[in-house]
Amino acid sequence: MSTDALRSAEALTSTDALRSAEALTSTDALALRSAEALTSTDALALRSAEALTSTDALRSAEALTSTDALRSA
C-alpha cells in the first residue's frame, strides 16, 4: 500500500513536471511568434518610412528643379 502510494505520487509529480514543461515551451513558442510578428511589423514600418522619405525627397527635388526652371525662364 505504501509502495503504491509512493508510485502514484511519483507518477503525478512526473506528469505535473511534464505538463509544466510543455506549458512553458508552448508559452515560449508564443512569445517567439509574437517577437517575430513585432519584428516583421517593425520592418514593414521601416520600409513604409523609407518609402515616404524617398517620396518626400523626390517631391522636394522636383519642386526645387521646377522653381529653378521658372526663375531661369
PDB file of N, CA and C in Angstrom:
ATOM      1  N   MET A   1       0.837  -1.187   0.000  1.00  0.00           N
ATOM      2  CA  MET A   1       0.000   0.000   0.000  1.00  0.00           C
ATOM      3  C   MET A   1       0.882   1.251   0.000  1.00  0.00           C
ATOM      4  N   SER A   2       1.867   1.260   0.819  1.00  0.00           N
ATOM      5  CA  SER A   2       2.776   2.381   0.899  1.00  0.00           C
ATOM      6  C   SER A   2       3.538   2.542  -0.421  1.00  0.00           C
ATOM      7  N   THR A   3       3.932   1.418  -1.022  1.00  0.00           N
ATOM      8  CA  THR A   3       4.655   1.446  -2.294  1.00  0.00           C
ATOM      9  C   THR A   3       3.759   1.979  -3.402  1.00  0.00           C
ATOM     10  N   ASP A   4       2.496   1.543  -3.406  1.00  0.00           N
ATOM     11  CA  ASP A   4       1.555   2.026  -4.420  1.00  0.00           C
ATOM     12  C   ASP A   4       1.337   3.536  -4.283  1.00  0.00           C
ATOM     13  N   ALA A   5       1.213   3.987  -3.066  1.00  0.00           N
ATOM     14  CA  ALA A   5       1.005   5.415  -2.842  1.00  0.00           C
ATOM     15  C   ALA A   5       2.225   6.205  -3.312  1.00  0.00           C
ATOM     16  N   LEU A   6       3.416   5.675  -3.055  1.00  0.00           N
ATOM     17  CA  LEU A   6       4.649   6.323  -3.482  1.00  0.00           C
ATOM     18  C   LEU A   6       4.736   6.376  -5.009  1.00  0.00           C
ATOM     19  N   ARG A   7       4.417   5.246  -5.652  1.00  0.00           N
ATOM     20  CA  ARG A   7       4.438   5.203  -7.125  1.00  0.00           C
ATOM     21  C   ARG A   7       3.428   6.187  -7.710  1.00  0.00           C
ATOM     22  N   SER A   8       2.283   6.250  -7.100  1.00  0.00           N
ATOM     23  CA  SER A   8       1.245   7.160  -7.561  1.00  0.00           C
ATOM     24  C   SER A   8       1.710   8.617  -7.427  1.00  0.00           C
ATOM     25  N   ALA A   9       2.329   8.934  -6.304  1.00  0.00           N
ATOM     26  CA  ALA A   9       2.835  10.291  -6.078  1.00  0.00           C
ATOM     27  C   ALA A   9       3.935  10.630  -7.089  1.00  0.00           C
ATOM     28  N   GLU A  10       4.811   9.658  -7.354  1.00  0.00           N
ATOM     29  CA  GLU A  10       5.887   9.887  -8.323  1.00  0.00           C
ATOM     30  C   GLU A  10       5.310  10.107  -9.731  1.00  0.00           C
ATOM     31  N   ALA A  11       4.296   9.324 -10.068  1.00  0.00           N
ATOM     32  CA  ALA A  11       3.669   9.460 -11.387  1.00  0.00           C
ATOM     33  C   ALA A  11       3.014  10.834 -11.525  1.00  0.00           C
ATOM     34  N   LEU A  12       2.339  11.289 -10.482  1.00  0.00           N
ATOM     35  CA  LEU A  12       1.697  12.597 -10.531  1.00  0.00           C
ATOM     36  C   LEU A  12       2.737  13.715 -10.651  1.00  0.00           C
ATOM     37  N   THR A  13       3.798  13.582  -9.885  1.00  0.00           N
ATOM     38  CA  THR A  13       4.862  14.590  -9.929  1.00  0.00           C
ATOM     39  C   THR A  13       5.486  14.639 -11.315  1.00  0.00           C
ATOM     40  N   SER A  14       5.733  13.464 -11.869  1.00  0.00           N
ATOM     41  CA  SER A  14       6.319  13.388 -13.205  1.00  0.00           C
ATOM     42  C   SER A  14       5.370  13.996 -14.236  1.00  0.00           C
ATOM     43  N   THR A  15       4.096  13.697 -14.131  1.00  0.00           N
ATOM     44  CA  THR A  15       3.099  14.241 -15.062  1.00  0.00           C
ATOM     45  C   THR A  15       2.998  15.744 -14.917  1.00  0.00           C
ATOM     46  N   ASP A  16       2.984  16.225 -13.685  1.00  0.00           N
ATOM     47  CA  ASP A  16       2.920  17.665 -13.443  1.00  0.00           C
ATOM     48  C   ASP A  16       4.144  18.380 -14.039  1.00  0.00           C
ATOM     49  N   ALA A  17       5.310  17.776 -13.838  1.00  0.00           N
ATOM     50  CA  ALA A  17       6.535  18.372 -14.374  1.00  0.00           C
ATOM     51  C   ALA A  17       6.486  18.409 -15.900  1.00  0.00           C
ATOM     52  N   LEU A  18       5.981  17.346 -16.499  1.00  0.00           N
ATOM     53  CA  LEU A  18       5.871  17.298 -17.955  1.00  0.00           C
ATOM     54  C   LEU A  18       4.886  18.344 -18.456  1.00  0.00           C
ATOM     55  N   ARG A  19       3.729  18.435 -17.793  1.00  0.00           N
ATOM     56  CA  ARG A  19       2.730  19.442 -18.195  1.00  0.00           C
ATOM     57  C   ARG A  19       3.290  20.853 -18.049  1.00  0.00           C
ATOM     58  N   SER A  20       4.017  21.070 -16.975  1.00  0.00           N
ATOM     59  CA  SER A  20       4.613  22.388 -16.739  1.00  0.00           C
ATOM     60  C   SER A  20       5.633  22.712 -17.829  1.00  0.00           C
ATOM     61  N   ALA A  21       6.467  21.747 -18.163  1.00  0.00           N
ATOM     62  CA  ALA A  21       7.473  21.956 -19.211  1.00  0.00           C
ATOM     63  C   ALA A  21       6.802  22.201 -20.552  1.00  0.00           C
ATOM     64  N   GLU A  22       5.744  21.467 -20.851  1.00  0.00           N
ATOM     65  CA  GLU A  22       5.028  21.655 -22.112  1.00  0.00           C
ATOM     66  C   GLU A  22       4.389  23.038 -22.165  1.00  0.00           C
ATOM     67  N   ALA A  23       3.827  23.469 -21.034  1.00  0.00           N
ATOM     68  CA  ALA A  23       3.198  24.790 -20.982  1.00  0.00           C
ATOM     69  C   ALA A  23       4.234  25.890 -21.193  1.00  0.00           C
ATOM     70  N   LEU A  24       5.403  25.733 -20.577  1.00  0.00           N
ATOM     71  CA  LEU A  24       6.461  26.735 -20.745  1.00  0.00           C
ATOM     72  C   LEU A  24       6.956  26.765 -22.185  1.00  0.00           C
ATOM     73  N   THR A  25       7.104  25.591 -22.776  1.00  0.00           N
ATOM     74  CA  THR A  25       7.559  25.519 -24.166  1.00  0.00           C
ATOM     75  C   THR A  25       6.537  26.174 -25.078  1.00  0.00           C
ATOM     76  N   SER A  26       5.273  25.894 -24.818  1.00  0.00           N
ATOM     77  CA  SER A  26       4.206  26.494 -25.616  1.00  0.00           C
ATOM     78  C   SER A  26       4.197  28.012 -25.448  1.00  0.00           C
ATOM     79  N   THR A  27       4.366  28.464 -24.217  1.00  0.00           N
ATOM     80  CA  THR A  27       4.406  29.906 -23.946  1.00  0.00           C
ATOM     81  C   THR A  27       5.610  30.546 -24.623  1.00  0.00           C
ATOM     82  N   ASP A  28       6.750  29.873 -24.557  1.00  0.00           N
ATOM     83  CA  ASP A  28       7.951  30.390 -25.218  1.00  0.00           C
ATOM     84  C   ASP A  28       7.737  30.484 -26.723  1.00  0.00           C
ATOM     85  N   ALA A  29       7.078  29.481 -27.297  1.00  0.00           N
ATOM     86  CA  ALA A  29       6.811  29.495 -28.733  1.00  0.00           C
ATOM     87  C   ALA A  29       5.903  30.665 -29.086  1.00  0.00           C
ATOM     88  N   LEU A  30       4.902  30.922 -28.248  1.00  0.00           N
ATOM     89  CA  LEU A  30       4.009  32.059 -28.499  1.00  0.00           C
ATOM     90  C   LEU A  30       4.765  33.374 -28.382  1.00  0.00           C
ATOM     91  N   ALA A  31       5.638  33.468 -27.384  1.00  0.00           N
ATOM     92  CA  ALA A  31       6.436  34.686 -27.210  1.00  0.00           C
ATOM     93  C   ALA A  31       7.349  34.886 -28.408  1.00  0.00           C
ATOM     94  N   LEU A  32       7.918  33.804 -28.908  1.00  0.00           N
ATOM     95  CA  LEU A  32       8.800  33.899 -30.074  1.00  0.00           C
ATOM     96  C   LEU A  32       8.006  34.348 -31.299  1.00  0.00           C
ATOM     97  N   ARG A  33       6.831  33.767 -31.488  1.00  0.00           N
ATOM     98  CA  ARG A  33       5.990  34.180 -32.624  1.00  0.00           C
ATOM     99  C   ARG A  33       5.604  35.641 -32.497  1.00  0.00           C
ATOM    100  N   SER A  34       5.307  36.061 -31.267  1.00  0.00           N
ATOM    101  CA  SER A  34       4.946  37.461 -31.028  1.00  0.00           C
ATOM    102  C   SER A  34       6.121  38.371 -31.368  1.00  0.00           C
ATOM    103  N   ALA A  35       7.314  37.974 -30.940  1.00  0.00           N
ATOM    104  CA  ALA A  35       8.513  38.771 -31.238  1.00  0.00           C
ATOM    105  C   ALA A  35       8.762  38.818 -32.737  1.00  0.00           C
ATOM    106  N   GLU A  36       8.557  37.682 -33.415  1.00  0.00           N
ATOM    107  CA  GLU A  36       8.736  37.656 -34.867  1.00  0.00           C
ATOM    108  C   GLU A  36       7.720  38.561 -35.547  1.00  0.00           C
ATOM    109  N   ALA A  37       6.494  38.554 -35.041  1.00  0.00           N
ATOM    110  CA  ALA A  37       5.452  39.404 -35.617  1.00  0.00           C
ATOM    111  C   ALA A  37       5.803  40.875 -35.415  1.00  0.00           C
ATOM    112  N   LEU A  38       6.300  41.214 -34.224  1.00  0.00           N
ATOM    113  CA  LEU A  38       6.699  42.601 -33.969  1.00  0.00           C
ATOM    114  C   LEU A  38       7.859  43.010 -34.866  1.00  0.00           C
ATOM    115  N   THR A  39       8.812  42.105 -35.022  1.00  0.00           N
ATOM    116  CA  THR A  39       9.962  42.395 -35.879  1.00  0.00           C
ATOM    117  C   THR A  39       9.499  42.597 -37.312  1.00  0.00           C
ATOM    118  N   SER A  40       8.595  41.737 -37.749  1.00  0.00           N
ATOM    119  CA  SER A  40       8.056  41.855 -39.098  1.00  0.00           C
ATOM    120  C   SER A  40       7.302  43.171 -39.258  1.00  0.00           C
ATOM    121  N   THR A  41       6.516  43.522 -38.256  1.00  0.00           N
ATOM    122  CA  THR A  41       5.768  44.787 -38.288  1.00  0.00           C
ATOM    123  C   THR A  41       6.726  45.965 -38.299  1.00  0.00           C
ATOM    124  N   ASP A  42       7.776  45.880 -37.483  1.00  0.00           N
ATOM    125  CA  ASP A  42       8.782  46.950 -37.459  1.00  0.00           C
ATOM    126  C   ASP A  42       9.456  47.091 -38.825  1.00  0.00           C
ATOM    127  N   ALA A  43       9.746  45.963 -39.454  1.00  0.00           N
ATOM    128  CA  ALA A  43      10.374  46.003 -40.775  1.00  0.00           C
ATOM    129  C   ALA A  43       9.444  46.651 -41.782  1.00  0.00           C
ATOM    130  N   LEU A  44       8.161  46.324 -41.707  1.00  0.00           N
ATOM    131  CA  LEU A  44       7.194  46.943 -42.614  1.00  0.00           C
ATOM    132  C   LEU A  44       7.087  48.440 -42.356  1.00  0.00           C
ATOM    133  N   ALA A  45       7.078  48.811 -41.085  1.00  0.00           N
ATOM    134  CA  ALA A  45       7.009  50.235 -40.735  1.00  0.00           C
ATOM    135  C   ALA A  45       8.250  50.962 -41.243  1.00  0.00           C
ATOM    136  N   LEU A  46       9.398  50.321 -41.122  1.00  0.00           N
ATOM    137  CA  LEU A  46      10.643  50.926 -41.602  1.00  0.00           C
ATOM    138  C   LEU A  46      10.604  51.100 -43.113  1.00  0.00           C
ATOM    139  N   ARG A  47      10.145  50.067 -43.817  1.00  0.00           N
ATOM    140  CA  ARG A  47      10.037  50.172 -45.280  1.00  0.00           C
ATOM    141  C   ARG A  47       9.078  51.287 -45.667  1.00  0.00           C
ATOM    142  N   SER A  48       7.982  51.376 -44.925  1.00  0.00           N
ATOM    143  CA  SER A  48       6.999  52.423 -45.192  1.00  0.00           C
ATOM    144  C   SER A  48       7.621  53.797 -44.973  1.00  0.00           C
ATOM    145  N   ALA A  49       8.365  53.945 -43.868  1.00  0.00           N
ATOM    146  CA  ALA A  49       9.030  55.219 -43.583  1.00  0.00           C
ATOM    147  C   ALA A  49      10.063  55.540 -44.662  1.00  0.00           C
ATOM    148  N   GLU A  50      10.792  54.520 -45.108  1.00  0.00           N
ATOM    149  CA  GLU A  50      11.785  54.735 -46.167  1.00  0.00           C
ATOM    150  C   GLU A  50      11.093  55.161 -47.461  1.00  0.00           C
ATOM    151  N   ALA A  51       9.970  54.541 -47.754  1.00  0.00           N
ATOM    152  CA  ALA A  51       9.223  54.893 -48.959  1.00  0.00           C
ATOM    153  C   ALA A  51       8.729  56.332 -48.873  1.00  0.00           C
ATOM    154  N   LEU A  52       8.216  56.716 -47.710  1.00  0.00           N
ATOM    155  CA  LEU A  52       7.743  58.090 -47.542  1.00  0.00           C
ATOM    156  C   LEU A  52       8.893  59.083 -47.656  1.00  0.00           C
ATOM    157  N   THR A  53      10.004  58.765 -47.042  1.00  0.00           N
ATOM    158  CA  THR A  53      11.174  59.646 -47.100  1.00  0.00           C
ATOM    159  C   THR A  53      11.647  59.791 -48.538  1.00  0.00           C
ATOM    160  N   SER A  54      11.697  58.662 -49.233  1.00  0.00           N
ATOM    161  CA  SER A  54      12.122  58.682 -50.626  1.00  0.00           C
ATOM    162  C   SER A  54      11.160  59.520 -51.469  1.00  0.00           C
ATOM    163  N   THR A  55       9.877  59.341 -51.248  1.00  0.00           N
ATOM    164  CA  THR A  55       8.866  60.109 -51.991  1.00  0.00           C
ATOM    165  C   THR A  55       8.977  61.589 -51.667  1.00  0.00           C
ATOM    166  N   ASP A  56       9.138  61.905 -50.383  1.00  0.00           N
ATOM    167  CA  ASP A  56       9.284  63.311 -49.979  1.00  0.00           C
ATOM    168  C   ASP A  56      10.520  63.936 -50.608  1.00  0.00           C
ATOM    169  N   ALA A  57      11.620  63.192 -50.602  1.00  0.00           N
ATOM    170  CA  ALA A  57      12.862  63.712 -51.181  1.00  0.00           C
ATOM    171  C   ALA A  57      12.678  63.952 -52.679  1.00  0.00           C
ATOM    172  N   LEU A  58      12.003  63.031 -53.330  1.00  0.00           N
ATOM    173  CA  LEU A  58      11.769  63.181 -54.769  1.00  0.00           C
ATOM    174  C   LEU A  58      10.888  64.396 -55.044  1.00  0.00           C
ATOM    175  N   ARG A  59       9.814  64.534 -54.279  1.00  0.00           N
ATOM    176  CA  ARG A  59       8.920  65.692 -54.459  1.00  0.00           C
ATOM    177  C   ARG A  59       9.663  67.002 -54.211  1.00  0.00           C
ATOM    178  N   SER A  60      10.483  67.005 -53.174  1.00  0.00           N
ATOM    179  CA  SER A  60      11.251  68.201 -52.840  1.00  0.00           C
ATOM    180  C   SER A  60      12.222  68.540 -53.976  1.00  0.00           C
ATOM    181  N   ALA A  61      12.906  67.542 -54.492  1.00  0.00           N
ATOM    182  CA  ALA A  61      13.861  67.761 -55.584  1.00  0.00           C
ATOM    183  C   ALA A  61      13.130  68.256 -56.828  1.00  0.00           C
ATOM    184  N   GLU A  62      11.965  67.666 -57.114  1.00  0.00           N
ATOM    185  CA  GLU A  62      11.195  68.092 -58.281  1.00  0.00           C
ATOM    186  C   GLU A  62      10.716  69.544 -58.121  1.00  0.00           C
ATOM    187  N   ALA A  63      10.290  69.873 -56.901  1.00  0.00           N
ATOM    188  CA  ALA A  63       9.816  71.231 -56.642  1.00  0.00           C
ATOM    189  C   ALA A  63      10.957  72.232 -56.798  1.00  0.00           C
ATOM    190  N   LEU A  64      12.125  71.893 -56.274  1.00  0.00           N
ATOM    191  CA  LEU A  64      13.272  72.799 -56.401  1.00  0.00           C
ATOM    192  C   LEU A  64      13.672  72.967 -57.860  1.00  0.00           C
ATOM    193  N   THR A  65      13.696  71.858 -58.591  1.00  0.00           N
ATOM    194  CA  THR A  65      14.060  71.914 -60.012  1.00  0.00           C
ATOM    195  C   THR A  65      13.049  72.752 -60.784  1.00  0.00           C
ATOM    196  N   SER A  66      11.780  72.534 -60.472  1.00  0.00           N
ATOM    197  CA  SER A  66      10.721  73.293 -61.144  1.00  0.00           C
ATOM    198  C   SER A  66      10.842  74.781 -60.820  1.00  0.00           C
ATOM    199  N   THR A  67      11.108  75.110 -59.573  1.00  0.00           N
ATOM    200  CA  THR A  67      11.265  76.510 -59.159  1.00  0.00           C
ATOM    201  C   THR A  67      12.473  77.132 -59.841  1.00  0.00           C
ATOM    202  N   ASP A  68      13.574  76.380 -59.869  1.00  0.00           N
ATOM    203  CA  ASP A  68      14.786  76.893 -60.537  1.00  0.00           C
ATOM    204  C   ASP A  68      14.527  77.136 -62.018  1.00  0.00           C
ATOM    205  N   ALA A  69      13.781  76.236 -62.648  1.00  0.00           N
ATOM    206  CA  ALA A  69      13.477  76.385 -64.072  1.00  0.00           C
ATOM    207  C   ALA A  69      12.617  77.622 -64.298  1.00  0.00           C
ATOM    208  N   LEU A  70      11.669  77.854 -63.408  1.00  0.00           N
ATOM    209  CA  LEU A  70      10.813  79.043 -63.542  1.00  0.00           C
ATOM    210  C   LEU A  70      11.626  80.322 -63.355  1.00  0.00           C
ATOM    211  N   ARG A  71      12.516  80.315 -62.382  1.00  0.00           N
ATOM    212  CA  ARG A  71      13.350  81.501 -62.129  1.00  0.00           C
ATOM    213  C   ARG A  71      14.243  81.794 -63.335  1.00  0.00           C
ATOM    214  N   SER A  72      14.757  80.721 -63.910  1.00  0.00           N
ATOM    215  CA  SER A  72      15.654  80.860 -65.046  1.00  0.00           C
ATOM    216  C   SER A  72      14.902  81.408 -66.261  1.00  0.00           C
ATOM    217  N   ALA A  73      13.671  80.958 -66.402  1.00  0.00           N
ATOM    218  CA  ALA A  73      12.871  81.414 -67.544  1.00  0.00           C
ATOM    219  C   ALA A  73      12.488  82.855 -67.304  1.00  0.00           C
TER     220      ALA A  73
END
